[in-house]
Amino acid sequence: MKNNLTFKIIGLMLLSDITESAGELLFKKAVLLTGIDHVAASNFITFLLKLAATPHLWLGILIYALNFVLWMAVLSRLDLSIAFPISNAAYVIVPFLSMITLHEHVPLIRWLGAALILAGVTLISRSPGKETATP
């Protein structure tokens, strides 16, 4: 399989990361809208009913479906061992959007962790697609 990172493939991967991140944020917002801060066996059914009543959940599911289509397009063009690590920009997108939309505090240590992940992704993206064995 080809492992050339063209602008089209990078764009698909970025769109996939954005839709994944948006879906995660919508799921979190849906959970917050239930008003239940701790899910346990005693309130599980109530939680599910309240969760199902939030439009954020259904929009998140719809966006995840779009993410699935985008991800399948990426996988049709790249090996999974290349695509998966590179496409995880969500490690940076989610904390950033969580700060903006959910007003979550993201400490410096988490940003440093995300930077290390991105450094690893950069190394993976620069690796050759097929390793050749030497006799």
Protein backbone atom coordinates (compact mmCIF):
# COMPACT_ATOMS: atom_id res chain seq x y z
CA MET A 1 0.00 0.00 0.00
CA LYS A 2 1.18 3.53 -0.65
CA ASN A 3 2.31 5.52 2.34
CA ASN A 4 2.76 8.90 0.69
CA LEU A 5 1.41 11.68 2.86
CA THR A 6 -0.17 13.92 0.25
CA PHE A 7 -2.02 17.13 1.09
CA LYS A 8 -5.29 15.31 0.37
CA ILE A 9 -4.49 12.55 2.87
CA ILE A 10 -3.30 15.04 5.48
CA GLY A 11 -6.50 17.02 4.96
CA LEU A 12 -8.62 13.88 5.41
CA MET A 13 -6.72 13.02 8.57
CA LEU A 14 -7.13 16.53 9.95
CA LEU A 15 -10.85 16.48 9.19
CA SER A 16 -11.07 13.09 10.89
CA ASP A 17 -9.33 14.49 13.98
CA ILE A 18 -11.58 17.53 14.03
CA THR A 19 -14.77 15.46 13.76
CA GLU A 20 -13.51 13.05 16.43
CA SER A 21 -12.74 15.96 18.74
CA ALA A 22 -16.09 17.63 18.07
CA GLY A 23 -17.89 14.36 18.78
CA GLU A 24 -16.05 13.94 22.08
CA LEU A 25 -16.93 17.49 23.14
CA LEU A 26 -20.58 16.92 22.26
CA PHE A 27 -20.61 13.68 24.27
CA LYS A 28 -19.14 15.48 27.29
CA LYS A 29 -21.67 18.29 26.95
CA ALA A 30 -24.49 15.71 26.72
CA VAL A 31 -23.28 14.08 29.95
CA LEU A 32 -23.12 17.47 31.68
CA LEU A 33 -26.65 18.29 30.54
CA THR A 34 -28.03 15.22 32.33
CA GLY A 35 -27.24 16.93 35.64
CA ILE A 36 -25.89 13.64 36.96
CA ASP A 37 -22.32 13.99 38.13
CA HIS A 38 -21.74 10.39 39.19
CA VAL A 39 -23.18 7.43 37.32
CA ALA A 40 -23.78 4.33 39.41
CA ALA A 41 -26.00 1.27 39.22
CA SER A 42 -28.70 3.10 41.20
CA ASN A 43 -29.06 5.96 38.69
CA PHE A 44 -27.93 4.27 35.49
CA ILE A 45 -31.37 4.04 33.82
CA THR A 46 -32.20 7.65 34.74
CA PHE A 47 -28.83 8.71 33.35
CA LEU A 48 -29.42 6.88 30.06
CA LEU A 49 -32.91 8.36 29.67
CA LYS A 50 -31.66 11.89 30.33
CA LEU A 51 -28.67 11.32 28.06
CA ALA A 52 -30.90 10.07 25.22
CA ALA A 53 -32.99 13.24 25.54
CA THR A 54 -30.06 15.55 24.80
CA PRO A 55 -29.60 16.68 21.20
CA HIS A 56 -25.86 16.90 21.91
CA LEU A 57 -25.65 13.11 22.16
CA TRP A 58 -27.35 12.58 18.81
CA LEU A 59 -25.31 15.27 17.08
CA GLY A 60 -22.17 13.68 18.53
CA ILE A 61 -23.22 10.29 17.14
CA LEU A 62 -23.89 11.86 13.73
CA ILE A 63 -20.48 13.53 13.75
CA TYR A 64 -18.87 10.24 14.77
CA ALA A 65 -20.56 8.60 11.76
CA LEU A 66 -18.97 11.25 9.54
CA ASN A 67 -15.66 10.60 11.29
CA PHE A 68 -16.03 6.90 10.46
CA VAL A 69 -16.41 7.67 6.74
CA LEU A 70 -13.41 10.00 6.79
CA TRP A 71 -11.30 7.44 8.65
CA MET A 72 -12.19 4.71 6.14
CA ALA A 73 -11.04 7.05 3.36
CA VAL A 74 -7.73 7.57 5.18
CA LEU A 75 -7.25 3.83 5.74
CA SER A 76 -7.88 3.16 2.06
CA ARG A 77 -4.83 5.29 1.29
CA LEU A 78 -2.38 4.53 4.12
CA ASP A 79 -1.16 1.63 6.22
CA LEU A 80 -2.76 1.61 9.66
CA SER A 81 0.68 1.64 11.30
CA ILE A 82 1.28 5.04 9.69
CA ALA A 83 -2.24 6.50 9.71
CA PHE A 84 -3.19 5.81 13.32
CA PRO A 85 -0.30 7.52 15.10
CA ILE A 86 -0.28 10.48 12.73
CA SER A 87 -4.01 11.05 12.95
CA ASN A 88 -4.03 11.53 16.70
CA ALA A 89 -3.93 15.31 16.67
CA ALA A 90 -7.03 14.97 18.83
CA TYR A 91 -4.62 14.78 21.79
CA VAL A 92 -4.03 18.49 21.20
CA ILE A 93 -7.39 19.50 19.71
CA VAL A 94 -9.54 18.10 22.54
CA PRO A 95 -7.74 19.86 25.42
CA PHE A 96 -7.70 23.12 23.47
CA LEU A 97 -11.42 22.96 22.66
CA SER A 98 -12.20 21.75 26.20
CA MET A 99 -10.61 24.92 27.54
CA ILE A 100 -12.65 27.09 25.20
CA THR A 101 -16.04 25.37 25.19
CA LEU A 102 -16.17 23.54 28.54
CA HIS A 103 -13.97 25.97 30.50
CA GLU A 104 -11.78 23.11 31.71
CA HIS A 105 -8.37 23.81 33.16
CA VAL A 106 -5.60 22.08 31.23
CA PRO A 107 -2.37 22.11 33.24
CA LEU A 108 1.05 22.61 31.73
CA ILE A 109 2.03 18.97 32.30
CA ARG A 110 -0.80 17.86 29.97
CA TRP A 111 0.40 20.28 27.30
CA LEU A 112 3.91 18.89 27.68
CA GLY A 113 2.53 15.38 27.26
CA ALA A 114 0.69 16.45 24.11
CA ALA A 115 3.93 18.00 22.79
CA LEU A 116 5.74 14.70 23.36
CA ILE A 117 2.99 12.85 21.52
CA LEU A 118 3.31 15.26 18.60
CA ALA A 119 7.08 14.75 18.58
CA GLY A 120 6.52 11.00 18.37
CA VAL A 121 3.97 11.46 15.60
CA THR A 122 6.49 13.55 13.68
CA LEU A 123 9.05 10.77 13.94
CA ILE A 124 6.52 8.16 12.79
CA SER A 125 5.42 10.28 9.84
CA ARG A 126 9.02 10.55 8.65
CA SER A 127 9.65 6.82 8.81
CA PRO A 128 9.81 4.85 5.56
CA GLY A 129 6.65 3.01 4.55
CA LYS A 130 8.16 -0.41 4.00
CA GLU A 131 11.19 -1.67 5.82
CA THR A 132 13.48 -3.83 3.76
CA ALA A 133 15.18 -6.72 5.48
CA THR A 134 18.89 -7.06 5.00
CA PRO A 135 20.23 -10.59 4.52
